[in-house]
Protein backbone atom coordinates (compact mmCIF):
# COMPACT_ATOMS: atom_id res chain seq x y z
CA MET A 1 71.78 105.89 11.36
CA SER A 2 75.19 105.26 9.69
CA LYS A 3 77.12 101.95 9.92
CA ASP A 4 80.01 103.28 11.97
CA LYS A 5 77.14 104.54 14.79
CA GLU A 6 75.33 101.32 14.36
CA SER A 7 78.63 99.10 15.14
CA LYS A 8 79.43 101.43 17.98
CA VAL A 9 75.91 101.01 19.64
CA ASN A 10 76.38 96.98 19.15
CA GLU A 11 79.84 96.83 20.52
CA THR A 12 78.54 98.93 23.79
CA GLU A 13 75.87 96.43 24.23
CA GLU A 14 77.77 93.37 24.04
CA GLU A 15 80.31 94.87 26.38
CA VAL A 16 77.54 95.29 28.80
CA LYS A 17 76.29 91.97 28.19
CA ASN A 18 79.77 90.56 28.68
CA LYS A 19 80.42 92.39 32.29
CA GLU A 20 77.11 91.02 33.32
CA LYS A 21 78.13 87.71 32.63
CA LEU A 22 81.90 88.08 34.27
CA GLU A 23 80.40 89.72 37.42
CA VAL A 24 78.93 87.45 40.14
CA LYS A 25 75.74 88.29 41.58
CA ASP A 26 75.12 87.92 45.34
CA PRO A 27 73.41 84.86 46.38
CA PRO A 28 69.79 85.28 47.84
CA LYS A 29 70.11 87.07 51.04
CA VAL A 30 69.67 85.17 54.20
CA PRO A 31 69.32 86.36 57.99
CA SER A 32 72.92 86.98 59.51
CA LEU A 33 73.93 84.51 61.92
CA LEU A 34 74.13 87.26 64.37
CA HIS A 35 70.43 87.50 64.41
CA ASN A 36 69.95 85.33 67.49
CA TYR A 37 69.20 86.18 71.07
CA ILE A 38 72.89 85.25 72.56
CA SER A 39 74.50 87.31 70.08
CA LEU A 40 71.80 90.18 70.85
CA ILE A 41 72.72 89.77 74.70
CA GLY A 42 76.45 89.80 73.84
CA PHE A 43 75.95 93.14 71.59
CA VAL A 44 74.17 94.80 74.53
CA PHE A 45 77.20 94.04 76.69
CA VAL A 46 79.50 95.45 73.96
CA PHE A 47 77.84 98.46 73.53
CA THR A 48 77.00 99.10 77.02
CA SER A 49 80.35 98.70 77.91
CA LEU A 50 81.72 100.78 75.01
CA ALA A 51 79.53 103.85 76.04
CA SER A 52 80.48 103.63 79.58
CA ILE A 53 84.42 103.46 78.46
CA VAL A 54 83.96 106.59 76.16
CA PHE A 55 82.02 108.42 78.96
CA LEU A 56 84.51 107.84 81.68
CA PHE A 57 87.41 108.38 79.03
CA VAL A 58 86.17 112.01 78.52
CA LEU A 59 85.70 112.15 82.17
CA GLU A 60 89.25 111.46 83.22
CA PHE A 61 90.43 114.16 80.75
CA THR A 62 88.24 116.82 81.76
CA THR A 63 88.76 116.26 85.89
CA THR A 64 91.43 116.79 87.75
CA SER A 65 90.67 114.77 90.74
CA ASP A 66 92.47 111.23 91.09
CA ASN A 67 89.93 108.71 91.94
CA PRO A 68 91.41 105.28 91.92
CA TYR A 69 88.37 103.49 91.10
CA LEU A 70 87.64 105.42 87.84
CA GLY A 71 90.63 103.98 86.18
CA VAL A 72 89.86 100.55 87.33
CA LEU A 73 86.44 101.02 85.63
CA THR A 74 88.04 102.63 82.49
CA TYR A 75 90.91 100.22 81.92
CA VAL A 76 90.30 97.16 83.56
CA LEU A 77 86.74 96.18 84.49
CA LEU A 78 84.62 97.81 81.64
CA PRO A 79 87.04 96.48 78.83
CA SER A 80 86.78 93.04 80.31
CA VAL A 81 83.16 93.25 79.90
CA MET A 82 83.24 94.43 76.71
CA VAL A 83 85.56 91.41 75.59
CA PHE A 84 83.12 89.21 77.50
CA GLY A 85 80.29 90.30 75.32
CA LEU A 86 82.46 89.94 72.00
CA PHE A 87 82.98 86.31 73.48
CA VAL A 88 79.01 85.86 73.80
CA VAL A 89 78.58 87.44 70.59
CA PHE A 90 80.79 84.52 69.05
CA VAL A 91 79.02 81.87 70.98
CA GLY A 92 75.80 82.94 69.57
CA VAL A 93 77.18 82.89 65.84
CA ILE A 94 78.27 79.30 66.59
CA TRP A 95 75.02 78.34 68.15
CA GLU A 96 73.05 79.63 65.25
CA ARG A 97 74.93 78.24 62.68
CA GLN A 98 74.81 74.66 64.37
CA ARG A 99 71.07 75.12 64.48
CA ARG A 100 70.77 76.05 60.95
CA ARG A 101 73.22 73.08 59.94
CA LYS A 102 69.57 70.90 59.44
CA TYR A 103 68.39 73.14 56.67
CA SER A 104 69.40 72.69 52.92
CA PRO A 105 72.58 73.70 51.59
CA GLU A 106 71.22 76.57 49.78
CA GLU A 107 70.48 78.12 53.63
CA ILE A 108 73.64 77.29 55.21
CA ALA A 109 76.77 76.20 53.81
CA ALA A 110 79.15 73.56 55.54
CA TYR A 111 81.72 76.10 55.81
CA PRO A 112 82.20 79.99 56.14
CA ILE A 113 82.32 81.35 52.40
CA LEU A 114 84.72 83.94 51.72
CA ASP A 115 83.92 85.29 48.45
CA LEU A 116 84.52 88.90 47.41
CA ASN A 117 83.34 89.28 43.72
CA GLY A 118 79.77 89.95 45.21
CA PRO A 119 79.51 93.57 46.32
CA ARG A 120 77.49 93.18 49.42
CA ARG A 121 80.30 90.56 50.61
CA ARG A 122 82.96 93.08 49.79
CA ARG A 123 81.15 95.76 51.67
CA ALA A 124 80.67 93.52 54.57
CA PHE A 125 84.24 92.07 54.68
CA LEU A 126 85.45 95.88 54.42
CA THR A 127 83.47 97.03 57.14
CA PHE A 128 84.63 93.76 59.26
CA LEU A 129 88.49 95.02 58.42
CA ILE A 130 87.91 98.56 59.72
CA CYS A 131 86.06 97.52 62.74
CA SER A 132 88.61 95.14 63.51
CA PHE A 133 91.29 97.67 63.30
CA ILE A 134 89.63 100.21 65.43
CA PHE A 135 88.93 97.42 68.10
CA LEU A 136 92.73 96.31 67.98
CA MET A 137 94.00 100.21 68.24
CA MET A 138 91.43 100.78 70.87
CA SER A 139 92.54 97.17 72.63
CA ALA A 140 96.44 98.27 72.36
CA PHE A 141 95.78 101.75 73.81
CA GLY A 142 93.38 100.11 76.61
CA SER A 143 95.83 97.45 77.42
CA TYR A 144 98.93 99.90 77.76
CA ARG A 145 96.58 102.30 79.79
CA ALA A 146 95.53 99.42 82.12
CA PHE A 147 99.21 98.36 82.34
CA GLU A 148 100.14 102.39 83.30
CA TYR A 149 97.40 102.33 85.62
CA THR A 150 98.32 99.12 87.45
CA GLU A 151 101.81 100.60 87.85
CA SER A 152 100.61 104.01 89.40
CA VAL A 153 100.88 105.05 93.08
CA GLU A 154 96.91 105.54 93.35
CA PHE A 155 96.20 101.82 92.23
CA CYS A 156 98.87 100.57 94.74
CA GLY A 157 97.92 102.78 97.78
CA GLN A 158 94.18 103.78 97.22
CA LEU A 159 92.33 101.07 95.55
CA CYS A 160 92.44 98.79 98.76
CA HIS A 161 91.57 101.80 100.74
CA SER A 162 91.16 100.23 104.43
CA VAL A 163 94.23 97.67 104.01
CA MET A 164 96.68 99.97 102.30
CA ASN A 165 95.85 103.33 103.89
CA PRO A 166 98.33 103.36 106.37
CA GLU A 167 101.22 102.36 103.96
CA PHE A 168 99.96 105.32 101.52
CA VAL A 169 99.79 107.78 103.99
CA ALA A 170 102.89 107.10 105.56
CA TYR A 171 104.42 106.98 101.99
CA ASN A 172 103.34 110.41 101.18
CA ALA A 173 104.85 111.70 104.40
CA SER A 174 108.28 110.13 103.45
CA PRO A 175 111.32 111.25 101.90
CA HIS A 176 110.76 108.79 99.01
CA SER A 177 107.23 110.18 98.16
CA LYS A 178 108.30 110.75 94.83
CA VAL A 179 109.38 107.29 94.00
CA LYS A 180 106.57 105.16 92.53
CA CYS A 181 105.64 102.15 94.27
CA VAL A 182 106.70 99.55 91.51
CA GLU A 183 110.12 100.92 91.36
CA CYS A 184 110.84 99.03 94.46
CA HIS A 185 108.21 96.65 94.74
CA VAL A 186 108.07 95.21 90.95
CA GLY A 187 110.74 96.39 89.10
CA SER A 188 111.52 96.25 85.29
CA GLY A 189 110.84 93.57 83.10
CA ALA A 190 108.38 91.06 82.16
CA GLN A 191 108.98 88.38 84.95
CA ASN A 192 108.78 91.07 87.66
CA TYR A 193 105.62 92.26 86.34
CA LEU A 194 103.82 88.81 86.08
CA ARG A 195 105.11 87.90 89.47
CA ALA A 196 103.86 90.90 91.15
CA LYS A 197 100.48 90.62 89.58
CA PHE A 198 100.20 86.78 90.62
CA ASN A 199 100.99 88.05 94.15
CA GLY A 200 98.58 90.77 93.81
CA VAL A 201 95.66 88.26 93.11
CA HIS A 202 96.55 86.50 96.37
CA GLN A 203 96.38 89.83 98.19
CA LEU A 204 93.13 90.26 96.40
CA TYR A 205 91.65 87.08 97.74
CA GLY A 206 92.71 88.12 101.33
CA VAL A 207 90.80 91.50 100.91
CA ILE A 208 87.75 89.75 99.70
CA THR A 209 87.88 86.99 102.13
CA ASN A 210 88.65 89.78 104.70
CA SER A 211 91.65 87.41 105.78
CA TYR A 212 94.70 89.95 105.34
CA ASN A 213 97.00 90.76 108.45
CA LYS A 214 96.46 93.49 110.72
CA PRO A 215 99.29 95.20 110.51
CA ILE A 216 100.50 94.17 106.90
CA ALA A 217 103.20 91.53 107.82
CA THR A 218 106.79 93.05 107.30
CA PRO A 219 109.24 93.04 106.22
CA VAL A 220 108.12 91.83 102.56
CA HIS A 221 110.18 88.62 102.15
CA ASN A 222 110.01 88.85 98.34
CA MET A 223 111.32 92.42 98.11
CA ARG A 224 114.07 92.66 95.25
CA SER A 225 117.53 93.23 96.34
CA ALA A 226 119.03 96.37 97.13
CA ASN A 227 121.09 96.47 93.96
CA GLU A 228 118.13 96.47 92.22
CA THR A 229 116.03 99.23 94.13
CA CYS A 230 118.52 101.20 96.33
CA SER A 231 121.60 101.00 94.22
CA LYS A 232 119.82 102.95 91.21
CA CYS A 233 119.59 106.03 92.77
CA HIS A 234 122.26 105.77 95.64
CA TRP A 235 125.90 105.04 95.01
CA SER A 236 126.82 101.86 97.41
CA GLU A 237 130.58 102.49 97.07
CA LYS A 238 130.69 106.15 97.49
CA TYR A 239 132.77 107.28 100.70
CA TYR A 240 130.59 109.90 102.77
CA GLY A 241 133.03 110.05 105.85
CA GLU A 242 131.46 111.83 109.14
CA GLN A 243 128.43 113.74 109.04
CA PHE A 244 127.46 116.25 111.51
CA ARG A 245 123.95 115.87 112.97
CA VAL A 246 122.15 117.56 115.51
CA PHE A 247 119.43 115.60 117.60
CA ASN A 248 116.58 117.72 119.33
CA HIS A 249 114.53 116.33 122.07
CA TYR A 250 112.26 118.11 124.39
CA GLU A 251 111.70 117.06 127.65
CA TYR A 252 108.42 116.40 129.66
CA ASP A 253 108.78 119.19 131.96
CA GLU A 254 106.83 122.39 132.28
CA LYS A 255 109.14 124.46 129.98
CA ASN A 256 109.50 121.56 127.47
CA SER A 257 113.21 122.05 127.80
CA LEU A 258 115.42 121.50 124.93
CA ASN A 259 117.75 118.97 124.98
CA GLN A 260 120.58 118.77 122.10
CA THR A 261 122.99 116.41 121.05
CA ARG A 262 125.58 117.38 118.21
CA MET A 263 127.26 114.26 116.91
CA LEU A 264 129.57 113.44 114.24
CA VAL A 265 128.14 110.00 112.52
CA LYS A 266 130.39 107.79 110.91
CA VAL A 267 128.38 107.02 108.15
CA GLY A 268 132.02 105.98 105.82
CA GLY A 269 131.48 103.57 103.25
CA GLY A 270 133.99 102.78 100.03
CA SER A 271 135.69 99.79 98.89
CA SER A 272 139.16 98.87 98.60
CA GLU A 273 139.14 99.81 94.63
CA THR A 274 137.85 103.49 95.61
CA GLY A 275 139.78 104.03 98.67
CA LYS A 276 139.09 103.72 102.39
CA ALA A 277 136.15 101.39 103.61
CA ASP A 278 134.96 102.26 107.11
CA GLY A 279 132.01 103.61 109.37
CA ILE A 280 128.56 102.33 109.06
CA HIS A 281 128.48 101.63 105.58
CA TRP A 282 131.45 99.11 106.07
CA HIS A 283 128.35 96.53 106.13
CA MET A 284 127.56 97.33 102.48
CA ASN A 285 131.18 97.27 101.37
CA LEU A 286 131.25 95.22 98.26
CA ASN A 287 134.33 92.78 99.19
CA ASN A 288 132.31 91.69 102.19
CA GLU A 289 129.61 89.17 102.38
CA VAL A 290 127.47 89.30 105.80
CA SER A 291 124.73 86.74 106.29
CA PHE A 292 122.47 85.90 109.08
CA ILE A 293 119.83 83.80 110.71
CA SER A 294 116.88 85.50 112.22
CA ASP A 295 113.00 85.39 113.03
CA GLU A 296 110.33 86.28 110.52
CA ARG A 297 110.57 90.16 111.35
CA ARG A 298 114.40 90.20 111.42
CA GLN A 299 114.35 91.75 114.63
CA ASN A 300 115.91 88.74 116.67
CA ILE A 301 119.22 87.91 114.89
CA GLN A 302 120.86 84.60 116.15
CA TRP A 303 123.58 83.68 113.94
CA VAL A 304 126.07 86.13 111.88
CA ARG A 305 128.76 84.75 109.47
CA MET A 306 131.27 87.46 107.94
CA LYS A 307 133.07 86.40 104.87
CA ASP A 308 135.82 88.72 103.82
CA LYS A 309 137.44 89.57 100.20
CA GLU A 310 140.11 86.71 101.02
CA GLY A 311 137.37 84.23 101.78
CA ASN A 312 137.89 84.07 105.44
CA VAL A 313 134.81 83.19 107.46
CA THR A 314 133.98 84.26 110.84
CA GLU A 315 130.58 83.11 112.41
CA TYR A 316 128.80 84.68 115.64
CA PHE A 317 126.46 83.28 117.60
CA ALA A 318 123.92 84.93 120.05
CA LYS A 319 124.18 83.96 123.53
CA ASN A 320 121.13 82.23 123.80
CA ALA A 321 120.77 80.92 120.46
CA ASN A 322 121.87 77.29 121.13
CA LEU A 323 121.98 76.51 117.28
CA THR A 324 123.62 73.36 116.07
CA ALA A 325 125.52 72.99 112.70
CA GLU A 326 122.62 70.84 111.29
CA GLN A 327 120.16 73.61 112.31
CA ILE A 328 122.26 76.30 110.58
CA GLU A 329 122.70 74.13 107.56
CA LYS A 330 119.09 74.22 107.06
CA SER A 331 118.08 77.55 108.01
CA ASP A 332 117.16 80.36 105.56
CA LYS A 333 120.23 82.69 105.57
CA ARG A 334 119.77 86.20 104.36
CA LYS A 335 122.48 88.35 102.59
CA MET A 336 122.74 91.60 104.19
CA ASP A 337 121.71 94.69 102.32
CA CYS A 338 120.75 98.38 102.54
CA ILE A 339 117.28 97.55 103.84
CA ASP A 340 118.13 95.36 106.76
CA CYS A 341 119.07 98.89 108.18
CA HIS A 342 117.02 100.97 106.39
CA ASN A 343 113.95 98.90 106.66
CA ARG A 344 111.47 101.96 106.89
CA PRO A 345 112.93 104.24 103.83
CA THR A 346 109.73 105.15 102.85
CA HIS A 347 106.81 103.77 105.20
CA ILE A 348 107.95 105.65 108.19
CA TYR A 349 105.69 105.34 111.33
CA LEU A 350 107.16 107.98 113.97
CA SER A 351 106.61 107.54 117.87
CA PRO A 352 104.58 109.85 119.65
CA ASN A 353 107.76 111.30 121.13
CA GLN A 354 109.39 111.82 117.76
CA ALA A 355 106.43 113.14 115.99
CA VAL A 356 105.93 115.57 118.82
CA ASP A 357 109.50 116.72 118.77
CA GLN A 358 109.67 117.20 114.86
CA SER A 359 106.40 119.64 115.27
CA LEU A 360 108.00 121.63 118.06
CA ASP A 361 111.22 122.09 116.08
CA SER A 362 109.06 122.92 113.10
CA LYS A 363 107.10 125.55 115.27
CA ARG A 364 103.65 123.85 114.54
CA LEU A 365 103.80 123.58 118.49
CA ASP A 366 103.80 126.47 120.73
CA VAL A 367 106.71 125.36 123.06
CA SER A 368 105.49 128.10 125.63
CA LEU A 369 102.56 126.22 126.67
CA PRO A 370 103.31 124.51 129.82
CA TYR A 371 103.81 120.57 129.56
CA LEU A 372 102.96 120.73 125.93
CA LYS A 373 105.22 117.69 125.14
CA MET A 374 104.00 115.78 128.33
CA LYS A 375 100.21 116.21 127.25
CA ALA A 376 100.64 115.65 123.33
CA VAL A 377 102.52 112.43 123.64
CA GLU A 378 100.03 111.30 126.23
CA VAL A 379 96.92 111.93 124.12
CA LEU A 380 98.85 110.32 121.23
CA SER A 381 99.72 107.10 123.21
CA GLY A 382 96.32 106.46 124.01
CA SER A 383 94.69 103.11 123.51
CA TYR A 384 91.96 103.78 120.64
CA THR A 385 89.66 101.24 118.60
CA ASN A 386 89.40 103.32 115.58
CA THR A 387 90.68 106.72 114.26
CA GLU A 388 87.48 108.78 115.04
CA GLU A 389 87.88 107.97 118.79
CA ALA A 390 91.54 109.28 118.86
CA LEU A 391 90.54 112.46 117.10
CA ASN A 392 87.53 113.10 119.20
CA ALA A 393 90.01 111.94 122.32
CA ILE A 394 92.41 114.64 121.26
CA SER A 395 90.11 117.11 120.83
CA THR A 396 88.60 117.18 124.20
CA ASN A 397 91.20 115.66 126.53
CA PHE A 398 94.14 118.12 125.25
CA PRO A 399 92.07 121.45 125.91
CA GLU A 400 90.41 120.27 128.97
CA TYR A 401 94.02 119.72 130.68
CA TYR A 402 94.48 123.49 130.09
CA LYS A 403 91.35 124.42 130.92
CA THR A 404 91.45 123.03 134.60
CA THR A 405 95.23 123.21 135.24
CA TYR A 406 95.81 126.17 133.53
CA PRO A 407 92.99 128.36 133.08
CA ASP A 408 94.72 131.40 132.63
CA VAL A 409 96.97 129.90 129.61
CA TYR A 410 93.86 128.56 128.29
CA ALA A 411 92.15 132.02 128.57
CA ASN A 412 95.09 133.73 126.77
CA GLN A 413 96.34 131.17 124.55
CA LYS A 414 93.40 129.51 123.19
CA PRO A 415 94.35 130.11 119.73
CA ALA A 416 97.76 128.28 120.40
CA ILE A 417 95.81 125.49 122.07
CA ASP A 418 93.40 125.19 119.34
CA ALA A 419 96.27 125.10 116.69
CA ALA A 420 97.78 122.33 118.88
CA VAL A 421 94.99 120.26 118.71
CA THR A 422 94.94 120.33 114.67
CA GLU A 423 98.50 119.57 114.57
CA LEU A 424 97.93 116.46 116.94
CA LYS A 425 95.28 115.24 114.99
CA ARG A 426 97.61 115.68 111.68
CA ILE A 427 100.11 113.89 113.64
CA TYR A 428 97.46 111.10 114.48
CA GLN A 429 96.02 110.47 110.95
CA THR A 430 99.83 110.27 109.65
CA TYR A 431 101.62 107.75 111.75
CA PHE A 432 98.88 105.67 114.01
CA PHE A 433 96.04 103.60 112.31
CA PRO A 434 94.24 101.47 114.89
CA GLU A 435 91.97 100.10 112.66
CA MET A 436 94.94 98.21 111.11
CA LYS A 437 96.90 98.27 114.13
CA ALA A 438 99.81 100.04 112.35
CA ASP A 439 102.13 102.20 114.23
CA TRP A 440 105.59 102.83 115.38
CA GLN A 441 105.47 99.77 117.46
CA ALA A 442 104.26 97.26 114.77
CA HIS A 443 106.78 98.64 112.36
CA PRO A 444 109.87 99.62 114.07
CA ASN A 445 112.78 101.16 112.49
CA ASN A 446 116.21 99.84 112.71
CA ILE A 447 118.16 103.06 111.80
CA GLY A 448 119.89 103.87 115.03
CA HIS A 449 118.59 102.35 118.26
CA ARG A 450 116.42 105.42 119.89
CA THR A 451 112.84 103.18 120.19
CA ALA A 452 113.90 99.99 118.74
CA MET A 453 117.13 97.56 119.17
CA GLY A 454 118.27 98.47 115.76
CA CYS A 455 121.83 98.17 115.68
CA PHE A 456 121.92 96.49 118.87
CA ARG A 457 120.43 93.42 117.03
CA CYS A 458 123.77 92.38 116.41
CA HIS A 459 125.78 94.89 118.41
CA ASP A 460 124.72 94.14 121.65
CA GLY A 461 128.14 92.68 122.94
CA GLN A 462 126.37 89.41 123.28
CA MET A 463 127.14 87.93 119.87
CA ALA A 464 130.25 86.18 119.88
CA THR A 465 132.16 83.37 118.11
CA LYS A 466 133.49 80.03 119.81
CA ASP A 467 136.74 81.43 120.55
CA GLY A 468 135.16 84.42 122.53
CA LYS A 469 135.33 87.19 119.81
CA ILE A 470 132.56 89.40 120.17
CA ILE A 471 130.81 92.08 117.90
CA ARG A 472 131.71 95.18 119.64
CA ASN A 473 128.64 97.46 120.86
CA ASP A 474 131.13 100.37 121.54
CA CYS A 475 129.30 103.56 120.78
CA ASN A 476 132.48 105.19 119.01
CA ILE A 477 132.37 102.62 116.26
CA CYS A 478 129.24 104.67 114.60
CA HIS A 479 129.31 108.20 116.19
CA THR A 480 131.47 110.73 118.04
CA THR A 481 129.63 112.79 120.33
CA ILE A 482 130.76 116.75 119.95
CA ASP A 483 128.88 118.16 122.99
CA GLN A 484 125.34 117.96 124.64
CA THR A 485 123.20 120.59 126.07
CA PHE A 486 120.71 119.61 128.59
CA GLY A 487 119.15 121.36 131.95
CA GLY A 488 120.53 124.70 130.35
CA LYS A 489 123.96 123.24 130.75
CA THR A 490 126.62 122.21 127.90
CA ILE A 491 128.86 119.50 128.30
CA THR A 492 131.47 118.00 125.90
CA PRO A 493 132.24 114.17 126.71
CA THR A 494 135.94 113.46 126.98
CA ASP A 495 135.61 110.10 125.47
CA GLY A 496 133.05 111.23 122.43
CA LYS A 497 130.46 108.80 123.93
CA PHE A 498 126.86 109.85 124.63
CA GLN A 499 126.52 110.89 128.43
CA HIS A 500 122.75 110.29 129.80
CA PRO A 501 121.23 113.10 131.37
CA VAL A 502 120.48 110.89 134.31
CA ASN A 503 123.43 108.85 136.04
CA LEU A 504 122.18 105.19 135.89
CA GLY A 505 124.84 103.79 137.68
CA ASP A 506 125.62 100.40 137.02
CA TYR A 507 122.80 100.16 134.52
CA GLY A 508 124.21 102.67 132.20
CA ASP A 509 125.29 100.50 129.58
CA PHE A 510 121.60 99.17 129.07
CA LYS A 511 120.43 99.49 125.29
CA CYS A 512 118.55 102.67 124.66
CA ALA A 513 115.37 100.72 123.56
CA ALA A 514 114.91 98.99 126.72
CA CYS A 515 113.71 101.98 128.19
CA HIS A 516 112.76 104.43 125.60
CA GLN A 517 109.73 103.02 123.53
CA GLY A 518 108.80 105.90 122.14
CA ASN A 519 105.89 106.96 124.02
CA ARG A 520 105.05 108.32 127.50
CA GLY A 521 104.31 105.60 129.74
CA PHE A 522 104.20 106.92 133.11
CA GLN A 523 105.64 109.45 135.36
CA HIS A 524 108.63 107.64 137.40
CA PRO A 525 108.85 108.95 141.03
CA LEU A 526 112.25 109.62 140.62
CA LYS A 527 111.62 112.13 137.59
CA LEU A 528 114.03 110.48 135.06
CA GLY A 529 112.97 112.83 132.10
CA ASP A 530 112.49 111.05 129.05
CA ILE A 531 112.07 107.46 129.90
CA SER A 532 109.33 106.06 127.83
CA LYS A 533 107.39 103.07 129.01
CA PHE A 534 110.15 102.49 131.35
CA GLN A 535 110.44 98.68 131.84
CA CYS A 536 110.83 98.39 135.56
CA VAL A 537 112.08 94.74 136.15
CA GLU A 538 115.16 95.61 133.81
CA CYS A 539 116.40 98.03 136.67
CA HIS A 540 114.75 96.43 139.66
CA LYS A 541 115.86 92.68 139.46
CA ASP A 542 118.35 93.70 142.33
CA GLN A 543 116.36 95.60 145.03
CA THR A 544 119.45 97.02 146.31
CA TYR A 545 120.07 99.12 143.38
CA LYS A 546 119.54 102.98 143.62
CA VAL A 547 119.38 105.33 140.76
CA LYS A 548 121.94 108.12 141.32
CA ILE A 549 120.79 111.53 140.03
CA ASN A 550 123.25 114.03 139.00
């Protein structure tokens, strides 16, 4: 071998020796700290929950059904189990390390060693980094999906099905059914989100302990103001003027006679900056501030304060309030906003009378069936302990009425009767929930004054200042009647005021809701027509009073 070749071989051998000297070999392999029963149990939790998450995640994207419990399992419960499992693994490592501390330093060092010179440790560290990155990405995605799910309508309305079912069903039948619950009940920002979730924990406790209200208490006292909710879509300064409305009402007679009232509703609105400010929406004129004191449900208003743009303050007291200055000072005062009148913008519960009228208008009920309105309202107004009992009663009592009273109609119009049964069941399942005691009476609608006091909570003619100035209850403040049709005749009121179909004599100034409660009540011997749940004592305090029929 030549000297040149021999020197190259020697150099190569020396380089190999030098590399072996420089390279740090891994220390003798000892059992991993993960080798303990506690960590093993933790790994069972981790891998079981992870496999379930992957399975449910695939299931969610391959099915079209909206199951509220699937989202809770996938993005809330199972991730929580997986994190708990990782915590158990960590506890097991700490416990195993403490157990080995009694051994020699060769078996367990005093502190964890991070030495990347050894190839095994480099591989272990790289594996740890990759797994940590995957876990963090999954956590970020899962956290976002969990947040997104808790903001969904399904989570709000269907998770606690028995409790929230009335609100969820009524919501889906409302004009705001495309607006998410959180847009009104939660709002944007971390503060609103955290407040809503803490409140949700309290509600969850109520569900678990079966201590929730039946029906759910309204109004919601921690509801965001109208400026943060309604005003996001509706322009409070917009002037709408007078809006033409037609109100259809069907009588309880054999022909289900149609009564019509055509009105100009003085919506008004506006502000001094944008022009004229009057009409019903004057209450929301940004230059005025109306405050009031009421009961918990805001149905019995005892004191009203109006502050105009110049700062002038006028205080009105209910006739029977007897509030002292000290009581007014200490009482909680609410600044009036949209939802004090529009208190059921979404979760609307129609009365039997209103619901049947709407179905007759839309031809979902056959108006040719004799006494349809009367019998339909009667079966919807029944006292039932649960929905199943109500549906069975509708299926039995409604057809039975025609079978016994109008056998010819029953024989010739059986399809129309069956269709009516189906429609009445739909109405009941949409607006009446006996299990939660939720209906139009439990949740009165303050728009107008047909089946609840509504406007008359303040505009009853009984709210006055100390010097005698009253909050007027003149009908023409809010609407002008163009004409009315009842009994086949059309009349045009000369003063623009609504004319009751029956001459009520001295009691003609009664508030509508004193007699009209939304259900049938009983048949008055004077055949007063649509007098729903007539409060006899209101008219018969004076026994000499006689109702005059037109």
